[in-house]
Amino acid sequence: MAGVAYPAWIGYSLAVMSTPTDRFTPDRPFILGTRGSPLAMAQAYEARRLLQARWPDLPVEIAEIKVSGDAVTDRPLAEVGGKGLFTKELDRALLDDRCTAAVHSMKDMETILAPGVGVGAVLEREDPRDAWLSPHAADGPEALADGATVGTASLRRQAQLLAMRPDLKVVLFRGNVQTRLRKLAEGVADATMLAMAGLNRLDMVGEAKARALAPETLLPAVAQGAICIACRSEDAAAHEILAPLSHAESLARVTCERAYLEVLDGSCKTPIAGLAEIADGRIRFRGLVAREDGTRVLRVEESGPADDPHAVGIEAGRRLKAEMGDDFFG
């Protein structure tokens, strides 16, 4: 993916070079900030493993940062501040120099990063698909009984599900993976959906009896399955240390998806989905926007050279935004 032109939010992440690590010592280690959920910690451990493999002499520590999104589980995310609830405390810790870098699920990151925060690396992407979990209808939404209940906190999942099955009832499911699986086992809902990436990273696909849903059935969230390591925009040393960890194809794919999201000014308050895939030097993007109740769904597909992912995402966003008009969401 050499020669790709990336937008400003990428920062130094392609500047792969030999970097002295003299700045970091046992007395001042390279600190990775993270949320405290089991999945977030698993992602931080993976980031630490990659850092230590690339820089064997680099002392790396993990610091748990409390975030508002993990404390509020009884209301939809859209009602209590959106994606920023999972990132703002980590951004503050980063800018206050309480950590050197912050490990994020990239789908939780705001479309426009906080001033002073840049992308240091995008790790190799996990499976971006959604997972279907149901003790009553293991094959997917089509197998659920009429009027069955599905638990989710995602407006994107809700909208696509109701577009397929308007008879279903959707109830709020918030909390970490373990909490949602417990609610499912307790019969709070007949089915739920999670990210395959999270289940894979926790080695819980078998335990959860999860089935991956094809993008044609349920289009995933922008950047789902991707881990981002953010750092201060002006911290050149941190950028140079993180740069070799970036996976070129994953970075190109999420660049395309986030460009599309930026055009639509998307957030967790709007049911928006998008997935970019690369094959034979071409990038193919599929996007979707829907009303919360699934009564209207618009789709877009765009493709172009893999070395210009930003332009492909921008064009897809513009086409879909023009079709939506000013009153799509009522």
Protein backbone atom coordinates (compact mmCIF):
# COMPACT_ATOMS: atom_id res chain seq x y z
CA MET A 1 0.00 0.00 0.00
CA ALA A 2 2.99 2.30 -0.49
CA GLY A 3 2.30 5.68 -2.00
CA VAL A 4 -1.18 6.00 -0.53
CA ALA A 5 -2.27 9.54 0.26
CA TYR A 6 -3.93 9.71 3.68
CA PRO A 7 -5.84 12.55 5.41
CA ALA A 8 -4.38 14.57 8.27
CA TRP A 9 -5.81 12.40 11.05
CA ILE A 10 -3.35 9.64 10.15
CA GLY A 11 -0.52 11.73 11.58
CA TYR A 12 2.86 10.03 11.37
CA SER A 13 1.51 6.48 11.15
CA LEU A 14 3.18 5.61 7.84
CA ALA A 15 6.58 7.03 8.75
CA VAL A 16 8.28 3.68 9.34
CA MET A 17 11.81 4.33 10.51
CA SER A 18 14.39 3.19 13.00
CA THR A 19 13.61 5.06 16.22
CA PRO A 20 15.72 5.40 19.34
CA THR A 21 13.74 4.52 22.46
CA ASP A 22 16.03 6.29 24.88
CA ARG A 23 13.17 8.49 26.05
CA PHE A 24 11.47 5.48 27.66
CA THR A 25 13.05 3.81 30.69
CA PRO A 26 11.76 1.66 33.60
CA ASP A 27 11.30 4.95 35.46
CA ARG A 28 9.30 6.45 32.54
CA PRO A 29 7.81 3.59 30.52
CA PHE A 30 5.69 3.70 27.38
CA ILE A 31 2.20 3.63 28.96
CA LEU A 32 -0.83 2.31 27.09
CA GLY A 33 -4.12 3.70 28.40
CA THR A 34 -7.22 1.55 28.04
CA ARG A 35 -10.74 0.99 29.28
CA GLY A 36 -11.05 -1.72 31.92
CA SER A 37 -13.49 -4.13 30.25
CA PRO A 38 -12.18 -7.63 29.50
CA LEU A 39 -12.26 -6.93 25.75
CA ALA A 40 -10.50 -3.57 26.10
CA MET A 41 -7.80 -5.16 28.25
CA ALA A 42 -7.34 -7.97 25.71
CA GLN A 43 -6.81 -5.36 23.01
CA ALA A 44 -4.29 -3.51 25.18
CA TYR A 45 -2.37 -6.74 25.84
CA GLU A 46 -2.23 -7.35 22.09
CA ALA A 47 -0.90 -3.82 21.52
CA ARG A 48 1.73 -4.37 24.21
CA ARG A 49 2.76 -7.70 22.66
CA LEU A 50 3.26 -6.09 19.27
CA LEU A 51 5.19 -3.18 20.74
CA GLN A 52 7.54 -5.45 22.65
CA ALA A 53 8.04 -7.70 19.63
CA ARG A 54 9.06 -4.68 17.52
CA TRP A 55 10.98 -2.85 20.28
CA PRO A 56 12.37 -5.53 22.69
CA ASP A 57 14.05 -2.96 24.92
CA LEU A 58 10.96 -0.76 25.26
CA PRO A 59 9.40 -0.89 28.75
CA VAL A 60 5.61 -0.99 28.22
CA GLU A 61 2.92 -0.71 30.89
CA ILE A 62 -0.87 -0.77 30.75
CA ALA A 63 -2.95 1.78 32.67
CA GLU A 64 -6.69 1.35 33.18
CA ILE A 65 -8.64 4.57 32.65
CA LYS A 66 -12.23 4.78 33.92
CA VAL A 67 -14.63 5.90 31.18
CA SER A 68 -18.23 7.12 31.42
CA GLY A 69 -19.53 4.74 28.76
CA ASP A 70 -18.78 1.74 30.96
CA ALA A 71 -20.61 3.25 33.95
CA VAL A 72 -23.92 4.04 32.21
CA THR A 73 -25.61 0.83 31.04
CA ASP A 74 -29.32 1.54 31.51
CA ARG A 75 -29.80 3.97 28.62
CA PRO A 76 -28.98 3.95 24.90
CA LEU A 77 -25.57 5.39 24.12
CA ALA A 78 -27.15 7.98 21.84
CA GLU A 79 -28.98 9.49 24.84
CA VAL A 80 -25.97 9.92 27.10
CA GLY A 81 -23.28 11.44 24.93
CA GLY A 82 -22.54 9.04 22.10
CA LYS A 83 -19.19 7.52 21.22
CA GLY A 84 -17.32 10.18 23.20
CA LEU A 85 -18.28 8.39 26.40
CA PHE A 86 -15.78 5.67 25.48
CA THR A 87 -12.98 7.98 24.35
CA LYS A 88 -13.03 11.37 26.07
CA GLU A 89 -11.45 10.21 29.34
CA LEU A 90 -8.74 8.38 27.39
CA ASP A 91 -8.14 11.53 25.32
CA ARG A 92 -7.84 13.56 28.52
CA ALA A 93 -5.39 11.08 30.04
CA LEU A 94 -3.37 11.21 26.83
CA LEU A 95 -3.27 15.01 26.67
CA ASP A 96 -2.49 15.23 30.41
CA ASP A 97 0.50 12.92 29.81
CA ARG A 98 -0.91 10.21 32.12
CA CYS A 99 -0.38 7.75 29.29
CA THR A 100 1.81 7.75 26.17
CA ALA A 101 -0.81 6.19 23.91
CA ALA A 102 -4.42 5.01 24.12
CA VAL A 103 -5.83 1.75 22.75
CA HIS A 104 -9.30 2.02 21.20
CA SER A 105 -11.82 -0.07 19.34
CA MET A 106 -11.74 2.17 16.29
CA LYS A 107 -15.50 1.96 15.75
CA ASP A 108 -15.92 3.82 19.08
CA MET A 109 -13.78 6.77 18.02
CA GLU A 110 -15.36 10.09 17.06
CA THR A 111 -15.30 10.92 13.35
CA ILE A 112 -13.28 14.06 14.13
CA LEU A 113 -10.55 13.38 16.67
CA ALA A 114 -10.07 15.66 19.66
CA PRO A 115 -7.57 18.51 19.09
CA GLY A 116 -4.08 17.29 19.88
CA VAL A 117 -4.89 13.60 19.34
CA GLY A 118 -3.66 11.67 16.30
CA VAL A 119 -3.68 8.10 15.01
CA GLY A 120 -0.40 6.37 15.76
CA ALA A 121 -1.24 2.95 14.35
CA VAL A 122 -4.11 0.83 13.06
CA LEU A 123 -3.47 -2.83 13.86
CA GLU A 124 -4.38 -5.68 11.54
CA ARG A 125 -8.14 -5.86 11.43
CA GLU A 126 -10.09 -8.76 12.92
CA ASP A 127 -13.29 -10.14 11.41
CA PRO A 128 -15.51 -7.05 10.84
CA ARG A 129 -18.79 -8.98 10.70
CA ASP A 130 -21.56 -9.02 13.28
CA ALA A 131 -22.22 -12.17 15.29
CA TRP A 132 -25.67 -13.65 15.83
CA LEU A 133 -26.37 -15.33 19.18
CA SER A 134 -29.64 -17.08 19.96
CA PRO A 135 -30.52 -20.24 21.89
CA HIS A 136 -33.79 -20.38 19.92
CA ALA A 137 -32.78 -19.47 16.37
CA ALA A 138 -29.11 -20.23 15.84
CA ASP A 139 -29.31 -19.88 12.06
CA GLY A 140 -30.09 -16.16 12.09
CA PRO A 141 -32.88 -13.57 12.31
CA GLU A 142 -35.04 -15.35 9.74
CA ALA A 143 -35.40 -18.32 12.09
CA LEU A 144 -36.85 -16.35 15.02
CA ALA A 145 -40.49 -16.84 15.95
CA ASP A 146 -42.97 -14.09 15.14
CA GLY A 147 -42.77 -11.26 17.67
CA ALA A 148 -39.53 -12.51 19.25
CA THR A 149 -37.34 -10.15 21.27
CA VAL A 150 -33.83 -9.12 20.27
CA GLY A 151 -31.50 -7.24 22.59
CA THR A 152 -29.12 -4.62 21.23
CA ALA A 153 -27.81 -1.14 22.04
CA SER A 154 -26.94 -0.43 18.40
CA LEU A 155 -29.31 1.65 16.28
CA ARG A 156 -27.47 0.31 13.21
CA ARG A 157 -28.24 -3.29 14.13
CA GLN A 158 -31.77 -2.42 15.22
CA ALA A 159 -32.61 -0.63 11.96
CA GLN A 160 -31.30 -3.39 9.71
CA LEU A 161 -32.97 -6.08 11.79
CA LEU A 162 -36.37 -4.34 11.70
CA ALA A 163 -36.02 -3.77 7.96
CA MET A 164 -35.80 -7.57 7.61
CA ARG A 165 -38.25 -8.48 10.36
CA PRO A 166 -40.60 -5.62 11.31
CA ASP A 167 -42.52 -7.98 13.61
CA LEU A 168 -39.60 -8.29 16.05
CA LYS A 169 -39.35 -6.41 19.34
CA VAL A 170 -36.02 -4.72 20.17
CA VAL A 171 -34.96 -4.15 23.79
CA LEU A 172 -31.90 -2.36 25.17
CA PHE A 173 -28.77 -4.47 25.78
CA ARG A 174 -25.80 -2.55 27.20
CA GLY A 175 -22.68 -3.73 29.00
CA ASN A 176 -19.62 -5.76 28.13
CA VAL A 177 -19.67 -9.07 26.25
CA GLN A 178 -20.01 -11.14 29.42
CA THR A 179 -22.94 -9.02 30.66
CA ARG A 180 -24.82 -9.37 27.38
CA LEU A 181 -24.30 -13.13 27.29
CA ARG A 182 -25.64 -13.38 30.84
CA LYS A 183 -28.75 -11.39 29.88
CA LEU A 184 -29.30 -13.69 26.93
CA ALA A 185 -28.96 -16.78 29.16
CA GLU A 186 -31.45 -15.26 31.62
CA GLY A 187 -34.03 -14.93 28.87
CA VAL A 188 -34.14 -11.13 28.76
CA ALA A 189 -34.16 -11.54 24.97
CA ASP A 190 -34.43 -14.37 22.44
CA ALA A 191 -31.33 -13.23 20.55
CA THR A 192 -28.63 -10.60 20.47
CA MET A 193 -25.82 -9.41 18.21
CA LEU A 194 -22.17 -8.70 19.01
CA ALA A 195 -19.02 -8.07 17.01
CA MET A 196 -17.25 -11.22 15.82
CA ALA A 197 -13.95 -9.44 16.43
CA GLY A 198 -14.61 -9.10 20.15
CA LEU A 199 -15.66 -12.71 20.53
CA ASN A 200 -12.56 -13.84 18.62
CA ARG A 201 -10.25 -11.73 20.78
CA LEU A 202 -11.83 -13.14 23.94
CA ASP A 203 -11.78 -16.68 22.50
CA MET A 204 -15.52 -16.93 23.17
CA VAL A 205 -17.00 -17.82 19.78
CA GLY A 206 -17.60 -21.44 20.79
CA GLU A 207 -18.88 -20.61 24.26
CA ALA A 208 -21.28 -18.02 22.86
CA LYS A 209 -22.38 -20.35 20.03
CA ALA A 210 -22.03 -17.40 17.70
CA ARG A 211 -22.70 -17.37 13.97
CA ALA A 212 -21.17 -14.71 11.74
CA LEU A 213 -23.70 -12.74 9.70
CA ALA A 214 -22.71 -11.98 6.12
CA PRO A 215 -22.42 -8.27 5.27
CA GLU A 216 -25.25 -8.83 2.79
CA THR A 217 -27.46 -9.70 5.77
CA LEU A 218 -26.17 -7.14 8.27
CA LEU A 219 -23.65 -4.51 7.20
CA PRO A 220 -21.17 -3.81 10.01
CA ALA A 221 -20.25 -0.56 11.71
CA VAL A 222 -17.54 1.64 10.25
CA ALA A 223 -14.11 0.38 11.41
CA GLN A 224 -15.62 -2.60 13.28
CA GLY A 225 -12.88 -5.08 14.15
CA ALA A 226 -10.06 -2.52 13.94
CA ILE A 227 -7.87 -1.48 16.88
CA CYS A 228 -6.43 2.03 16.86
CA ILE A 229 -3.53 3.18 19.01
CA ALA A 230 -3.80 6.94 19.42
CA CYS A 231 -1.13 9.30 20.69
CA ARG A 232 -0.52 13.01 20.98
CA SER A 233 -0.32 14.64 17.56
CA GLU A 234 2.95 16.37 18.36
CA ASP A 235 4.64 13.39 20.05
CA ALA A 236 6.93 12.45 17.17
CA ALA A 237 8.76 9.79 19.20
CA ALA A 238 5.53 7.97 20.07
CA HIS A 239 4.36 8.16 16.44
CA GLU A 240 7.64 6.72 15.20
CA ILE A 241 7.51 3.88 17.71
CA LEU A 242 3.91 3.05 16.83
CA ALA A 243 4.28 3.42 13.06
CA PRO A 244 5.71 -0.06 12.33
CA LEU A 245 2.66 -1.62 14.02
CA SER A 246 0.26 -0.24 11.41
CA HIS A 247 -1.22 -2.78 8.99
CA ALA A 248 -1.36 -1.09 5.59
CA GLU A 249 -4.49 -2.77 4.21
CA SER A 250 -6.44 -2.32 7.46
CA LEU A 251 -5.45 1.34 7.56
CA ALA A 252 -6.62 1.86 3.98
CA ARG A 253 -9.95 0.17 4.65
CA VAL A 254 -10.79 2.19 7.75
CA THR A 255 -9.62 5.37 6.01
CA CYS A 256 -12.22 4.75 3.32
CA GLU A 257 -14.95 3.96 5.85
CA ARG A 258 -14.23 6.95 8.09
CA ALA A 259 -14.15 9.31 5.09
CA TYR A 260 -17.66 8.12 4.20
CA LEU A 261 -18.79 8.58 7.80
CA GLU A 262 -17.35 12.08 7.95
CA VAL A 263 -19.34 13.16 4.87
CA LEU A 264 -22.54 11.88 6.49
CA ASP A 265 -21.58 13.46 9.83
CA GLY A 266 -22.37 10.09 11.34
CA SER A 267 -22.58 9.21 15.00
CA CYS A 268 -24.16 6.54 17.19
CA LYS A 269 -27.37 8.61 16.94
CA THR A 270 -27.81 7.66 13.28
CA PRO A 271 -28.06 4.10 11.89
CA ILE A 272 -25.09 4.11 9.51
CA ALA A 273 -23.06 1.11 8.32
CA GLY A 274 -20.06 0.79 6.03
CA LEU A 275 -17.49 -1.77 4.94
CA ALA A 276 -14.49 -1.45 2.63
CA GLU A 277 -12.69 -4.47 1.19
CA ILE A 278 -9.57 -4.67 -0.99
CA ALA A 279 -8.83 -7.15 -3.76
CA ASP A 280 -6.71 -7.03 -6.92
CA GLY A 281 -5.59 -3.45 -6.35
CA ARG A 282 -9.17 -2.16 -6.01
CA ILE A 283 -11.13 -1.03 -2.98
CA ARG A 284 -14.84 -1.84 -2.84
CA PHE A 285 -17.01 0.05 -0.40
CA ARG A 286 -20.59 -0.73 0.61
CA GLY A 287 -22.55 1.69 2.77
CA LEU A 288 -26.01 1.96 4.28
CA VAL A 289 -28.14 4.46 6.15
CA ALA A 290 -31.52 3.63 7.67
CA ARG A 291 -34.31 4.97 9.81
CA GLU A 292 -34.31 3.59 13.36
CA ASP A 293 -37.52 1.63 12.77
CA GLY A 294 -36.19 0.07 9.56
CA THR A 295 -38.96 1.55 7.41
CA ARG A 296 -36.50 3.10 4.98
CA VAL A 297 -33.02 1.91 4.04
CA LEU A 298 -30.69 3.45 1.48
CA ARG A 299 -27.57 1.70 0.18
CA VAL A 300 -24.54 2.78 -1.79
CA GLU A 301 -21.64 0.96 -3.43
CA GLU A 302 -18.46 2.60 -4.71
CA SER A 303 -15.11 1.30 -5.89
CA GLY A 304 -11.80 2.71 -7.01
CA PRO A 305 -8.03 2.30 -6.84
CA ALA A 306 -6.84 0.88 -3.54
CA ASP A 307 -4.20 3.59 -3.31
CA ASP A 308 -6.89 6.30 -2.94
CA PRO A 309 -9.22 4.96 -0.22
CA HIS A 310 -10.12 8.41 1.11
CA ALA A 311 -11.51 9.52 -2.25
CA VAL A 312 -13.62 6.36 -2.58
CA GLY A 313 -15.16 6.90 0.86
CA ILE A 314 -15.82 10.59 0.18
CA GLU A 315 -17.60 9.82 -3.10
CA ALA A 316 -19.75 7.12 -1.48
CA GLY A 317 -20.73 9.51 1.29
CA ARG A 318 -21.61 12.29 -1.14
CA ARG A 319 -23.78 10.02 -3.27
CA LEU A 320 -25.68 8.67 -0.29
CA LYS A 321 -26.09 12.11 1.29
CA ALA A 322 -27.58 13.47 -1.95
CA GLU A 323 -30.07 10.60 -2.07
CA MET A 324 -31.04 11.10 1.58
CA GLY A 325 -32.02 14.74 1.16
CA ASP A 326 -32.82 16.92 4.15
CA ASP A 327 -35.66 14.95 5.72
CA PHE A 328 -34.48 11.33 5.67
CA PHE A 329 -34.67 11.01 9.45
CA GLY A 330 -37.92 12.96 9.63
